[in-house]
């Protein structure tokens, strides 16, 4: 099982954590900008439950499940970008618990589509 999970995660997409920084604009004022941070591998699956679909009709953004390794710490509100297409997402949950007895190197989070402005080094 652990080998299959490794193939699942390692065969997933490459993402970069996006770091928020402050830069000075052309008027001398500080503005928020973003820079690409640490890369990580994960699989991202859109939630297609009926509750999610109803929420989308009411204006809620798409909801995704992020599957990655335990050593990847994605705190709520962490912003990350998929390298292959430049789409950006934001974590919306704490790490979902995997039973300690499971011995599976897996962490699960939920995320939503997210738009950032002031991108410094990366799309």
PDB file of N, CA and C in Angstrom:
ATOM      1  N   UNK A   1       0.830  -1.199   0.000  1.00  0.00           N
ATOM      2  CA  UNK A   1       0.000   0.000   0.000  1.00  0.00           C
ATOM      3  C   UNK A   1       0.868   1.254   0.000  1.00  0.00           C
ATOM      4  N   UNK A   2       1.922   1.274   0.803  1.00  0.00           N
ATOM      5  CA  UNK A   2       2.776   2.449   0.871  1.00  0.00           C
ATOM      6  C   UNK A   2       3.447   2.726  -0.469  1.00  0.00           C
ATOM      7  N   UNK A   3       3.824   1.681  -1.221  1.00  0.00           N
ATOM      8  CA  UNK A   3       4.433   1.880  -2.529  1.00  0.00           C
ATOM      9  C   UNK A   3       3.439   2.493  -3.512  1.00  0.00           C
ATOM     10  N   UNK A   4       2.189   2.040  -3.464  1.00  0.00           N
ATOM     11  CA  UNK A   4       1.164   2.609  -4.337  1.00  0.00           C
ATOM     12  C   UNK A   4       0.922   4.078  -4.001  1.00  0.00           C
ATOM     13  N   UNK A   5       0.888   4.394  -2.711  1.00  0.00           N
ATOM     14  CA  UNK A   5       0.686   5.771  -2.299  1.00  0.00           C
ATOM     15  C   UNK A   5       1.863   6.639  -2.741  1.00  0.00           C
ATOM     16  N   UNK A   6       3.077   6.114  -2.630  1.00  0.00           N
ATOM     17  CA  UNK A   6       4.257   6.856  -3.079  1.00  0.00           C
ATOM     18  C   UNK A   6       4.158   7.173  -4.564  1.00  0.00           C
ATOM     19  N   UNK A   7       3.756   6.198  -5.359  1.00  0.00           N
ATOM     20  CA  UNK A   7       3.598   6.430  -6.794  1.00  0.00           C
ATOM     21  C   UNK A   7       2.513   7.470  -7.062  1.00  0.00           C
ATOM     22  N   UNK A   8       1.441   7.420  -6.279  1.00  0.00           N
ATOM     23  CA  UNK A   8       0.329   8.353  -6.434  1.00  0.00           C
ATOM     24  C   UNK A   8       0.792   9.789  -6.176  1.00  0.00           C
ATOM     25  N   UNK A   9       1.478  10.000  -5.059  1.00  0.00           N
ATOM     26  CA  UNK A   9       1.925  11.349  -4.704  1.00  0.00           C
ATOM     27  C   UNK A   9       3.074  11.785  -5.605  1.00  0.00           C
ATOM     28  N   UNK A  10       4.083  10.938  -5.757  1.00  0.00           N
ATOM     29  CA  UNK A  10       5.256  11.312  -6.547  1.00  0.00           C
ATOM     30  C   UNK A  10       4.927  11.492  -8.021  1.00  0.00           C
ATOM     31  N   UNK A  11       3.867  10.850  -8.477  1.00  0.00           N
ATOM     32  CA  UNK A  11       3.432  11.013  -9.860  1.00  0.00           C
ATOM     33  C   UNK A  11       2.519  12.217 -10.038  1.00  0.00           C
ATOM     34  N   UNK A  12       2.220  12.900  -8.938  1.00  0.00           N
ATOM     35  CA  UNK A  12       1.338  14.066  -8.981  1.00  0.00           C
ATOM     36  C   UNK A  12       2.055  15.276  -9.566  1.00  0.00           C
ATOM     37  N   UNK A  13       1.456  16.407  -9.370  1.00  0.00           N
ATOM     38  CA  UNK A  13       2.003  17.657  -9.901  1.00  0.00           C
ATOM     39  C   UNK A  13       3.030  18.261  -8.952  1.00  0.00           C
ATOM     40  N   UNK A  14       3.859  19.142  -9.510  1.00  0.00           N
ATOM     41  CA  UNK A  14       4.784  19.928  -8.706  1.00  0.00           C
ATOM     42  C   UNK A  14       4.124  21.273  -8.424  1.00  0.00           C
ATOM     43  N   UNK A  15       4.176  21.678  -7.170  1.00  0.00           N
ATOM     44  CA  UNK A  15       3.627  22.951  -6.733  1.00  0.00           C
ATOM     45  C   UNK A  15       4.731  23.750  -6.054  1.00  0.00           C
ATOM     46  N   UNK A  16       4.545  25.057  -5.953  1.00  0.00           N
ATOM     47  CA  UNK A  16       5.439  25.908  -5.175  1.00  0.00           C
ATOM     48  C   UNK A  16       4.598  26.659  -4.154  1.00  0.00           C
ATOM     49  N   UNK A  17       5.065  26.676  -2.919  1.00  0.00           N
ATOM     50  CA  UNK A  17       4.450  27.536  -1.920  1.00  0.00           C
ATOM     51  C   UNK A  17       4.751  28.969  -2.340  1.00  0.00           C
ATOM     52  N   UNK A  18       3.771  29.838  -2.258  1.00  0.00           N
ATOM     53  CA  UNK A  18       3.955  31.233  -2.624  1.00  0.00           C
ATOM     54  C   UNK A  18       4.171  32.045  -1.350  1.00  0.00           C
ATOM     55  N   UNK A  19       5.290  32.761  -1.313  1.00  0.00           N
ATOM     56  CA  UNK A  19       5.633  33.568  -0.150  1.00  0.00           C
ATOM     57  C   UNK A  19       5.221  35.011  -0.382  1.00  0.00           C
ATOM     58  N   UNK A  20       4.543  35.577   0.601  1.00  0.00           N
ATOM     59  CA  UNK A  20       4.109  36.972   0.520  1.00  0.00           C
ATOM     60  C   UNK A  20       5.268  37.851   0.987  1.00  0.00           C
ATOM     61  N   UNK A  21       5.595  38.869   0.191  1.00  0.00           N
ATOM     62  CA  UNK A  21       6.663  39.795   0.546  1.00  0.00           C
ATOM     63  C   UNK A  21       6.167  41.232   0.366  1.00  0.00           C
ATOM     64  N   UNK A  22       6.895  42.144   0.919  1.00  0.00           N
ATOM     65  CA  UNK A  22       6.576  43.556   0.760  1.00  0.00           C
ATOM     66  C   UNK A  22       7.662  44.189  -0.109  1.00  0.00           C
ATOM     67  N   UNK A  23       7.256  44.910  -1.146  1.00  0.00           N
ATOM     68  CA  UNK A  23       8.205  45.601  -2.029  1.00  0.00           C
ATOM     69  C   UNK A  23       7.761  47.056  -2.143  1.00  0.00           C
ATOM     70  N   UNK A  24       8.665  47.886  -2.602  1.00  0.00           N
ATOM     71  CA  UNK A  24       8.362  49.294  -2.792  1.00  0.00           C
ATOM     72  C   UNK A  24       7.957  49.512  -4.245  1.00  0.00           C
ATOM     73  N   UNK A  25       6.791  50.141  -4.463  1.00  0.00           N
ATOM     74  CA  UNK A  25       6.332  50.385  -5.825  1.00  0.00           C
ATOM     75  C   UNK A  25       7.002  51.633  -6.401  1.00  0.00           C
ATOM     76  N   UNK A  26       6.646  51.990  -7.614  1.00  0.00           N
ATOM     77  CA  UNK A  26       7.294  53.106  -8.299  1.00  0.00           C
ATOM     78  C   UNK A  26       7.001  54.459  -7.641  1.00  0.00           C
ATOM     79  N   UNK A  27       6.026  54.493  -6.723  1.00  0.00           N
ATOM     80  CA  UNK A  27       5.711  55.725  -5.999  1.00  0.00           C
ATOM     81  C   UNK A  27       6.371  55.766  -4.622  1.00  0.00           C
ATOM     82  N   UNK A  28       7.151  54.733  -4.304  1.00  0.00           N
ATOM     83  CA  UNK A  28       7.815  54.679  -3.008  1.00  0.00           C
ATOM     84  C   UNK A  28       6.968  54.105  -1.892  1.00  0.00           C
ATOM     85  N   UNK A  29       5.828  53.528  -2.233  1.00  0.00           N
ATOM     86  CA  UNK A  29       4.930  52.957  -1.228  1.00  0.00           C
ATOM     87  C   UNK A  29       5.117  51.445  -1.137  1.00  0.00           C
ATOM     88  N   UNK A  30       5.010  50.890   0.075  1.00  0.00           N
ATOM     89  CA  UNK A  30       5.099  49.429   0.200  1.00  0.00           C
ATOM     90  C   UNK A  30       3.836  48.763  -0.341  1.00  0.00           C
ATOM     91  N   UNK A  31       4.013  47.705  -1.115  1.00  0.00           N
ATOM     92  CA  UNK A  31       2.895  46.919  -1.642  1.00  0.00           C
ATOM     93  C   UNK A  31       3.202  45.444  -1.423  1.00  0.00           C
ATOM     94  N   UNK A  32       2.152  44.646  -1.362  1.00  0.00           N
ATOM     95  CA  UNK A  32       2.306  43.205  -1.207  1.00  0.00           C
ATOM     96  C   UNK A  32       2.596  42.581  -2.562  1.00  0.00           C
ATOM     97  N   UNK A  33       3.566  41.683  -2.578  1.00  0.00           N
ATOM     98  CA  UNK A  33       3.906  40.939  -3.790  1.00  0.00           C
ATOM     99  C   UNK A  33       4.130  39.485  -3.376  1.00  0.00           C
ATOM    100  N   UNK A  34       4.318  38.634  -4.373  1.00  0.00           N
ATOM    101  CA  UNK A  34       4.471  37.195  -4.123  1.00  0.00           C
ATOM    102  C   UNK A  34       5.720  36.689  -4.821  1.00  0.00           C
ATOM    103  N   UNK A  35       6.371  35.732  -4.190  1.00  0.00           N
ATOM    104  CA  UNK A  35       7.522  35.084  -4.791  1.00  0.00           C
ATOM    105  C   UNK A  35       7.388  33.579  -4.598  1.00  0.00           C
ATOM    106  N   UNK A  36       7.914  32.809  -5.547  1.00  0.00           N
ATOM    107  CA  UNK A  36       7.813  31.348  -5.432  1.00  0.00           C
ATOM    108  C   UNK A  36       8.750  30.855  -4.352  1.00  0.00           C
ATOM    109  N   UNK A  37       8.196  30.031  -3.472  1.00  0.00           N
ATOM    110  CA  UNK A  37       8.972  29.436  -2.398  1.00  0.00           C
ATOM    111  C   UNK A  37       9.271  27.971  -2.690  1.00  0.00           C
ATOM    112  N   UNK A  38       9.287  27.197  -1.632  1.00  0.00           N
ATOM    113  CA  UNK A  38       9.687  25.793  -1.704  1.00  0.00           C
ATOM    114  C   UNK A  38       8.756  24.980  -2.603  1.00  0.00           C
ATOM    115  N   UNK A  39       9.334  24.110  -3.435  1.00  0.00           N
ATOM    116  CA  UNK A  39       8.512  23.208  -4.245  1.00  0.00           C
ATOM    117  C   UNK A  39       8.084  21.989  -3.436  1.00  0.00           C
ATOM    118  N   UNK A  40       6.972  21.377  -3.831  1.00  0.00           N
ATOM    119  CA  UNK A  40       6.543  20.119  -3.235  1.00  0.00           C
ATOM    120  C   UNK A  40       5.688  19.360  -4.245  1.00  0.00           C
ATOM    121  N   UNK A  41       5.596  18.051  -4.067  1.00  0.00           N
ATOM    122  CA  UNK A  41       4.782  17.192  -4.932  1.00  0.00           C
ATOM    123  C   UNK A  41       3.465  16.898  -4.218  1.00  0.00           C
ATOM    124  N   UNK A  42       2.390  16.897  -4.984  1.00  0.00           N
ATOM    125  CA  UNK A  42       1.075  16.593  -4.414  1.00  0.00           C
ATOM    126  C   UNK A  42       0.121  16.194  -5.529  1.00  0.00           C
ATOM    127  N   UNK A  43      -0.979  15.591  -5.124  1.00  0.00           N
ATOM    128  CA  UNK A  43      -2.066  15.317  -6.048  1.00  0.00           C
ATOM    129  C   UNK A  43      -3.232  16.191  -5.622  1.00  0.00           C
ATOM    130  N   UNK A  44      -3.883  16.822  -6.584  1.00  0.00           N
ATOM    131  CA  UNK A  44      -4.984  17.735  -6.324  1.00  0.00           C
ATOM    132  C   UNK A  44      -6.216  17.208  -7.049  1.00  0.00           C
ATOM    133  N   UNK A  45      -7.277  16.938  -6.296  1.00  0.00           N
ATOM    134  CA  UNK A  45      -8.513  16.425  -6.880  1.00  0.00           C
ATOM    135  C   UNK A  45      -9.668  17.353  -6.529  1.00  0.00           C
ATOM    136  N   UNK A  46     -10.458  17.723  -7.540  1.00  0.00           N
ATOM    137  CA  UNK A  46     -11.614  18.581  -7.289  1.00  0.00           C
ATOM    138  C   UNK A  46     -12.709  17.788  -6.597  1.00  0.00           C
ATOM    139  N   UNK A  47     -13.311  18.400  -5.585  1.00  0.00           N
ATOM    140  CA  UNK A  47     -14.427  17.792  -4.865  1.00  0.00           C
ATOM    141  C   UNK A  47     -15.674  17.940  -5.728  1.00  0.00           C
ATOM    142  N   UNK A  48     -16.282  16.833  -6.081  1.00  0.00           N
ATOM    143  CA  UNK A  48     -17.453  16.872  -6.969  1.00  0.00           C
ATOM    144  C   UNK A  48     -18.728  16.413  -6.271  1.00  0.00           C
ATOM    145  N   UNK A  49     -18.747  16.495  -4.933  1.00  0.00           N
ATOM    146  CA  UNK A  49     -19.962  16.091  -4.220  1.00  0.00           C
ATOM    147  C   UNK A  49     -21.101  17.059  -4.539  1.00  0.00           C
ATOM    148  N   UNK A  50     -22.315  16.619  -4.314  1.00  0.00           N
ATOM    149  CA  UNK A  50     -23.484  17.454  -4.595  1.00  0.00           C
ATOM    150  C   UNK A  50     -23.472  18.708  -3.723  1.00  0.00           C
ATOM    151  N   UNK A  51     -23.009  18.588  -2.470  1.00  0.00           N
ATOM    152  CA  UNK A  51     -22.948  19.751  -1.589  1.00  0.00           C
ATOM    153  C   UNK A  51     -21.992  20.806  -2.152  1.00  0.00           C
ATOM    154  N   UNK A  52     -20.884  20.362  -2.704  1.00  0.00           N
ATOM    155  CA  UNK A  52     -19.920  21.292  -3.295  1.00  0.00           C
ATOM    156  C   UNK A  52     -20.513  21.956  -4.518  1.00  0.00           C
ATOM    157  N   UNK A  53     -21.191  21.192  -5.345  1.00  0.00           N
ATOM    158  CA  UNK A  53     -21.807  21.751  -6.556  1.00  0.00           C
ATOM    159  C   UNK A  53     -22.859  22.803  -6.204  1.00  0.00           C
ATOM    160  N   UNK A  54     -23.652  22.536  -5.163  1.00  0.00           N
ATOM    161  CA  UNK A  54     -24.647  23.521  -4.725  1.00  0.00           C
ATOM    162  C   UNK A  54     -23.935  24.786  -4.239  1.00  0.00           C
ATOM    163  N   UNK A  55     -22.863  24.609  -3.473  1.00  0.00           N
ATOM    164  CA  UNK A  55     -22.083  25.747  -2.990  1.00  0.00           C
ATOM    165  C   UNK A  55     -21.520  26.575  -4.126  1.00  0.00           C
ATOM    166  N   UNK A  56     -21.048  25.928  -5.176  1.00  0.00           N
ATOM    167  CA  UNK A  56     -20.506  26.650  -6.325  1.00  0.00           C
ATOM    168  C   UNK A  56     -21.581  27.500  -6.991  1.00  0.00           C
ATOM    169  N   UNK A  57     -22.814  26.973  -7.065  1.00  0.00           N
ATOM    170  CA  UNK A  57     -23.923  27.735  -7.649  1.00  0.00           C
ATOM    171  C   UNK A  57     -24.243  28.973  -6.806  1.00  0.00           C
ATOM    172  N   UNK A  58     -23.935  28.883  -5.502  1.00  0.00           N
ATOM    173  CA  UNK A  58     -24.192  30.001  -4.591  1.00  0.00           C
ATOM    174  C   UNK A  58     -22.995  30.942  -4.478  1.00  0.00           C
ATOM    175  N   UNK A  59     -21.950  30.696  -5.275  1.00  0.00           N
ATOM    176  CA  UNK A  59     -20.809  31.598  -5.302  1.00  0.00           C
ATOM    177  C   UNK A  59     -19.572  31.125  -4.563  1.00  0.00           C
ATOM    178  N   UNK A  60     -19.612  29.948  -3.956  1.00  0.00           N
ATOM    179  CA  UNK A  60     -18.434  29.409  -3.285  1.00  0.00           C
ATOM    180  C   UNK A  60     -17.456  28.918  -4.350  1.00  0.00           C
ATOM    181  N   UNK A  61     -16.164  29.128  -4.152  1.00  0.00           N
ATOM    182  CA  UNK A  61     -15.185  28.682  -5.143  1.00  0.00           C
ATOM    183  C   UNK A  61     -15.086  27.159  -5.141  1.00  0.00           C
ATOM    184  N   UNK A  62     -14.447  26.616  -6.155  1.00  0.00           N
ATOM    185  CA  UNK A  62     -14.233  25.168  -6.233  1.00  0.00           C
ATOM    186  C   UNK A  62     -13.424  24.699  -5.032  1.00  0.00           C
ATOM    187  N   UNK A  63     -13.735  23.484  -4.575  1.00  0.00           N
ATOM    188  CA  UNK A  63     -13.052  22.898  -3.426  1.00  0.00           C
ATOM    189  C   UNK A  63     -12.230  21.707  -3.914  1.00  0.00           C
ATOM    190  N   UNK A  64     -11.005  21.585  -3.401  1.00  0.00           N
ATOM    191  CA  UNK A  64     -10.093  20.527  -3.814  1.00  0.00           C
ATOM    192  C   UNK A  64      -9.562  19.791  -2.588  1.00  0.00           C
ATOM    193  N   UNK A  65      -9.210  18.523  -2.779  1.00  0.00           N
ATOM    194  CA  UNK A  65      -8.472  17.765  -1.776  1.00  0.00           C
ATOM    195  C   UNK A  65      -7.037  17.675  -2.243  1.00  0.00           C
ATOM    196  N   UNK A  66      -6.112  18.049  -1.366  1.00  0.00           N
ATOM    197  CA  UNK A  66      -4.678  18.011  -1.647  1.00  0.00           C
ATOM    198  C   UNK A  66      -4.100  16.828  -0.881  1.00  0.00           C
ATOM    199  N   UNK A  67      -3.462  15.904  -1.591  1.00  0.00           N
ATOM    200  CA  UNK A  67      -2.815  14.745  -0.972  1.00  0.00           C
ATOM    201  C   UNK A  67      -1.313  14.893  -1.173  1.00  0.00           C
ATOM    202  N   UNK A  68      -0.581  14.881  -0.064  1.00  0.00           N
ATOM    203  CA  UNK A  68       0.868  15.033  -0.134  1.00  0.00           C
ATOM    204  C   UNK A  68       1.513  14.248   1.002  1.00  0.00           C
ATOM    205  N   UNK A  69       2.790  14.404   1.182  1.00  0.00           N
ATOM    206  CA  UNK A  69       3.508  13.685   2.241  1.00  0.00           C
ATOM    207  C   UNK A  69       3.371  14.416   3.579  1.00  0.00           C
ATOM    208  N   UNK A  70       3.533  13.653   4.685  1.00  0.00           N
ATOM    209  CA  UNK A  70       3.391  14.213   6.027  1.00  0.00           C
ATOM    210  C   UNK A  70       4.353  15.367   6.302  1.00  0.00           C
ATOM    211  N   UNK A  71       5.518  15.350   5.671  1.00  0.00           N
ATOM    212  CA  UNK A  71       6.500  16.385   5.982  1.00  0.00           C
ATOM    213  C   UNK A  71       6.193  17.721   5.306  1.00  0.00           C
ATOM    214  N   UNK A  72       5.151  17.781   4.492  1.00  0.00           N
ATOM    215  CA  UNK A  72       4.734  19.025   3.854  1.00  0.00           C
ATOM    216  C   UNK A  72       3.710  19.688   4.777  1.00  0.00           C
ATOM    217  N   UNK A  73       4.071  20.842   5.311  1.00  0.00           N
ATOM    218  CA  UNK A  73       3.191  21.532   6.250  1.00  0.00           C
ATOM    219  C   UNK A  73       2.486  22.683   5.541  1.00  0.00           C
ATOM    220  N   UNK A  74       1.234  22.482   5.244  1.00  0.00           N
ATOM    221  CA  UNK A  74       0.422  23.510   4.594  1.00  0.00           C
ATOM    222  C   UNK A  74      -0.580  24.030   5.611  1.00  0.00           C
ATOM    223  N   UNK A  75      -0.251  25.130   6.248  1.00  0.00           N
ATOM    224  CA  UNK A  75      -1.141  25.728   7.238  1.00  0.00           C
ATOM    225  C   UNK A  75      -2.327  26.378   6.534  1.00  0.00           C
ATOM    226  N   UNK A  76      -3.448  26.538   7.241  1.00  0.00           N
ATOM    227  CA  UNK A  76      -4.571  27.249   6.635  1.00  0.00           C
ATOM    228  C   UNK A  76      -4.118  28.618   6.105  1.00  0.00           C
ATOM    229  N   UNK A  77      -4.646  28.979   4.947  1.00  0.00           N
ATOM    230  CA  UNK A  77      -4.360  30.223   4.225  1.00  0.00           C
ATOM    231  C   UNK A  77      -3.020  30.214   3.493  1.00  0.00           C
ATOM    232  N   UNK A  78      -2.294  29.089   3.514  1.00  0.00           N
ATOM    233  CA  UNK A  78      -1.082  28.979   2.702  1.00  0.00           C
ATOM    234  C   UNK A  78      -1.481  29.024   1.232  1.00  0.00           C
ATOM    235  N   UNK A  79      -0.776  29.816   0.453  1.00  0.00           N
ATOM    236  CA  UNK A  79      -1.052  29.946  -0.979  1.00  0.00           C
ATOM    237  C   UNK A  79       0.004  29.143  -1.731  1.00  0.00           C
ATOM    238  N   UNK A  80      -0.430  28.379  -2.731  1.00  0.00           N
ATOM    239  CA  UNK A  80       0.514  27.586  -3.524  1.00  0.00           C
ATOM    240  C   UNK A  80       0.092  27.593  -4.980  1.00  0.00           C
ATOM    241  N   UNK A  81       1.070  27.390  -5.860  1.00  0.00           N
ATOM    242  CA  UNK A  81       0.840  27.472  -7.307  1.00  0.00           C
ATOM    243  C   UNK A  81       1.294  26.192  -7.982  1.00  0.00           C
ATOM    244  N   UNK A  82       0.445  25.694  -8.898  1.00  0.00           N
ATOM    245  CA  UNK A  82       0.804  24.517  -9.697  1.00  0.00           C
ATOM    246  C   UNK A  82       1.762  24.960 -10.787  1.00  0.00           C
ATOM    247  N   UNK A  83       2.883  24.278 -10.878  1.00  0.00           N
ATOM    248  CA  UNK A  83       3.931  24.654 -11.827  1.00  0.00           C
ATOM    249  C   UNK A  83       3.495  24.474 -13.280  1.00  0.00           C
ATOM    250  N   UNK A  84       2.731  23.428 -13.576  1.00  0.00           N
ATOM    251  CA  UNK A  84       2.400  23.097 -14.967  1.00  0.00           C
ATOM    252  C   UNK A  84       1.531  24.137 -15.657  1.00  0.00           C
ATOM    253  N   UNK A  85       0.624  24.766 -14.916  1.00  0.00           N
ATOM    254  CA  UNK A  85      -0.288  25.713 -15.564  1.00  0.00           C
ATOM    255  C   UNK A  85      -0.408  27.059 -14.859  1.00  0.00           C
ATOM    256  N   UNK A  86       0.296  27.243 -13.750  1.00  0.00           N
ATOM    257  CA  UNK A  86       0.279  28.526 -13.054  1.00  0.00           C
ATOM    258  C   UNK A  86      -0.963  28.794 -12.217  1.00  0.00           C
ATOM    259  N   UNK A  87      -1.869  27.815 -12.118  1.00  0.00           N
ATOM    260  CA  UNK A  87      -3.070  28.018 -11.283  1.00  0.00           C
ATOM    261  C   UNK A  87      -2.660  28.109  -9.825  1.00  0.00           C
ATOM    262  N   UNK A  88      -3.359  28.967  -9.112  1.00  0.00           N
ATOM    263  CA  UNK A  88      -3.036  29.227  -7.710  1.00  0.00           C
ATOM    264  C   UNK A  88      -4.188  28.781  -6.820  1.00  0.00           C
ATOM    265  N   UNK A  89      -3.834  28.241  -5.655  1.00  0.00           N
ATOM    266  CA  UNK A  89      -4.797  27.704  -4.701  1.00  0.00           C
ATOM    267  C   UNK A  89      -4.451  28.199  -3.297  1.00  0.00           C
ATOM    268  N   UNK A  90      -5.443  28.143  -2.403  1.00  0.00           N
ATOM    269  CA  UNK A  90      -5.222  28.507  -1.002  1.00  0.00           C
ATOM    270  C   UNK A  90      -5.772  27.410  -0.106  1.00  0.00           C
ATOM    271  N   UNK A  91      -4.989  27.011   0.885  1.00  0.00           N
ATOM    272  CA  UNK A  91      -5.389  25.973   1.836  1.00  0.00           C
ATOM    273  C   UNK A  91      -6.519  26.506   2.709  1.00  0.00           C
ATOM    274  N   UNK A  92      -7.549  25.683   2.902  1.00  0.00           N
ATOM    275  CA  UNK A  92      -8.708  26.110   3.687  1.00  0.00           C
ATOM    276  C   UNK A  92      -8.949  25.247   4.919  1.00  0.00           C
ATOM    277  N   UNK A  93      -8.040  24.328   5.231  1.00  0.00           N
ATOM    278  CA  UNK A  93      -8.265  23.454   6.386  1.00  0.00           C
ATOM    279  C   UNK A  93      -6.954  23.155   7.094  1.00  0.00           C
ATOM    280  N   UNK A  94      -7.086  22.683   8.319  1.00  0.00           N
ATOM    281  CA  UNK A  94      -5.950  22.088   9.019  1.00  0.00           C
ATOM    282  C   UNK A  94      -5.670  20.743   8.352  1.00  0.00           C
ATOM    283  N   UNK A  95      -4.507  20.180   8.626  1.00  0.00           N
ATOM    284  CA  UNK A  95      -4.179  18.837   8.126  1.00  0.00           C
ATOM    285  C   UNK A  95      -5.207  17.849   8.646  1.00  0.00           C
ATOM    286  N   UNK A  96      -5.738  17.027   7.744  1.00  0.00           N
ATOM    287  CA  UNK A  96      -6.692  16.008   8.167  1.00  0.00           C
ATOM    288  C   UNK A  96      -5.922  14.848   8.785  1.00  0.00           C
ATOM    289  N   UNK A  97      -6.429  14.340   9.864  1.00  0.00           N
ATOM    290  CA  UNK A  97      -5.732  13.308  10.639  1.00  0.00           C
ATOM    291  C   UNK A  97      -5.720  11.964   9.917  1.00  0.00           C
ATOM    292  N   UNK A  98      -4.542  11.365   9.871  1.00  0.00           N
ATOM    293  CA  UNK A  98      -4.380   9.985   9.421  1.00  0.00           C
ATOM    294  C   UNK A  98      -4.049   9.199  10.685  1.00  0.00           C
ATOM    295  N   UNK A  99      -4.732   8.104  10.961  1.00  0.00           N
ATOM    296  CA  UNK A  99      -4.459   7.364  12.196  1.00  0.00           C
ATOM    297  C   UNK A  99      -2.978   7.029  12.334  1.00  0.00           C
ATOM    298  N   UNK A 100      -2.438   7.242  13.536  1.00  0.00           N
ATOM    299  CA  UNK A 100      -1.026   6.972  13.790  1.00  0.00           C
ATOM    300  C   UNK A 100      -0.648   5.531  13.500  1.00  0.00           C
ATOM    301  N   UNK A 101      -1.562   4.628  13.700  1.00  0.00           N
ATOM    302  CA  UNK A 101      -1.282   3.206  13.453  1.00  0.00           C
ATOM    303  C   UNK A 101      -1.208   2.885  11.965  1.00  0.00           C
ATOM    304  N   UNK A 102      -1.658   3.802  11.108  1.00  0.00           N
ATOM    305  CA  UNK A 102      -1.696   3.533   9.671  1.00  0.00           C
ATOM    306  C   UNK A 102      -0.314   3.476   9.045  1.00  0.00           C
ATOM    307  N   UNK A 103       0.650   4.194   9.580  1.00  0.00           N
ATOM    308  CA  UNK A 103       2.027   4.217   9.058  1.00  0.00           C
ATOM    309  C   UNK A 103       2.074   4.597   7.584  1.00  0.00           C
ATOM    310  N   UNK A 104       1.179   5.481   7.181  1.00  0.00           N
ATOM    311  CA  UNK A 104       1.130   5.945   5.796  1.00  0.00           C
ATOM    312  C   UNK A 104       1.708   7.355   5.751  1.00  0.00           C
ATOM    313  N   UNK A 105       2.626   7.578   4.852  1.00  0.00           N
ATOM    314  CA  UNK A 105       3.255   8.890   4.699  1.00  0.00           C
ATOM    315  C   UNK A 105       2.342   9.768   3.841  1.00  0.00           C
ATOM    316  N   UNK A 106       1.245  10.235   4.461  1.00  0.00           N
ATOM    317  CA  UNK A 106       0.240  10.977   3.707  1.00  0.00           C
ATOM    318  C   UNK A 106      -0.356  12.073   4.573  1.00  0.00           C
ATOM    319  N   UNK A 107      -0.581  13.219   3.961  1.00  0.00           N
ATOM    320  CA  UNK A 107      -1.287  14.313   4.604  1.00  0.00           C
ATOM    321  C   UNK A 107      -2.368  14.791   3.644  1.00  0.00           C
ATOM    322  N   UNK A 108      -3.521  15.148   4.178  1.00  0.00           N
ATOM    323  CA  UNK A 108      -4.641  15.625   3.372  1.00  0.00           C
ATOM    324  C   UNK A 108      -5.049  17.012   3.843  1.00  0.00           C
ATOM    325  N   UNK A 109      -5.337  17.886   2.885  1.00  0.00           N
ATOM    326  CA  UNK A 109      -5.801  19.234   3.160  1.00  0.00           C
ATOM    327  C   UNK A 109      -6.921  19.543   2.178  1.00  0.00           C
ATOM    328  N   UNK A 110      -7.722  20.554   2.484  1.00  0.00           N
ATOM    329  CA  UNK A 110      -8.646  21.071   1.480  1.00  0.00           C
ATOM    330  C   UNK A 110      -8.120  22.421   1.021  1.00  0.00           C
ATOM    331  N   UNK A 111      -8.458  22.775  -0.211  1.00  0.00           N
ATOM    332  CA  UNK A 111      -7.983  24.027  -0.793  1.00  0.00           C
ATOM    333  C   UNK A 111      -9.054  24.578  -1.721  1.00  0.00           C
ATOM    334  N   UNK A 112      -8.881  25.844  -2.094  1.00  0.00           N
ATOM    335  CA  UNK A 112      -9.802  26.505  -3.023  1.00  0.00           C
ATOM    336  C   UNK A 112      -8.990  27.236  -4.085  1.00  0.00           C
ATOM    337  N   UNK A 113      -9.642  27.572  -5.201  1.00  0.00           N
ATOM    338  CA  UNK A 113      -9.008  28.426  -6.194  1.00  0.00           C
ATOM    339  C   UNK A 113      -8.704  29.764  -5.544  1.00  0.00           C
ATOM    340  N   UNK A 114      -7.611  30.392  -5.951  1.00  0.00           N
ATOM    341  CA  UNK A 114      -7.223  31.663  -5.344  1.00  0.00           C
ATOM    342  C   UNK A 114      -6.512  32.510  -6.388  1.00  0.00           C
ATOM    343  N   UNK A 115      -6.753  33.806  -6.367  1.00  0.00           N
ATOM    344  CA  UNK A 115      -6.098  34.724  -7.290  1.00  0.00           C
ATOM    345  C   UNK A 115      -5.171  35.634  -6.501  1.00  0.00           C
ATOM    346  N   UNK A 116      -3.924  35.725  -6.940  1.00  0.00           N
ATOM    347  CA  UNK A 116      -2.989  36.634  -6.291  1.00  0.00           C
ATOM    348  C   UNK A 116      -2.649  37.765  -7.269  1.00  0.00           C
ATOM    349  N   UNK A 117      -2.281  38.896  -6.699  1.00  0.00           N
ATOM    350  CA  UNK A 117      -1.849  40.034  -7.515  1.00  0.00           C
ATOM    351  C   UNK A 117      -0.444  40.428  -7.083  1.00  0.00           C
ATOM    352  N   UNK A 118       0.280  41.088  -7.949  1.00  0.00           N
ATOM    353  CA  UNK A 118       1.618  41.525  -7.611  1.00  0.00           C
ATOM    354  C   UNK A 118       2.650  40.417  -7.680  1.00  0.00           C
ATOM    355  N   UNK A 119       2.434  39.414  -8.516  1.00  0.00           N
ATOM    356  CA  UNK A 119       3.345  38.287  -8.637  1.00  0.00           C
ATOM    357  C   UNK A 119       4.732  38.759  -9.054  1.00  0.00           C
ATOM    358  N   UNK A 120       5.738  38.425  -8.249  1.00  0.00           N
ATOM    359  CA  UNK A 120       7.088  38.910  -8.502  1.00  0.00           C
ATOM    360  C   UNK A 120       7.851  38.031  -9.477  1.00  0.00           C
ATOM    361  N   UNK A 121       7.942  36.746  -9.182  1.00  0.00           N
ATOM    362  CA  UNK A 121       8.829  35.904 -10.002  1.00  0.00           C
ATOM    363  C   UNK A 121       8.173  34.665 -10.501  1.00  0.00           C
ATOM    364  N   UNK A 122       6.978  34.744 -10.763  1.00  0.00           N
ATOM    365  CA  UNK A 122       6.550  33.543 -11.214  1.00  0.00           C
ATOM    366  C   UNK A 122       5.497  33.073 -11.958  1.00  0.00           C
ATOM    367  N   UNK A 123       5.006  33.076 -13.032  1.00  0.00           N
ATOM    368  CA  UNK A 123       3.897  32.325 -13.546  1.00  0.00           C
ATOM    369  C   UNK A 123       4.264  31.308 -14.488  1.00  0.00           C
TER     370      UNK A 123
END
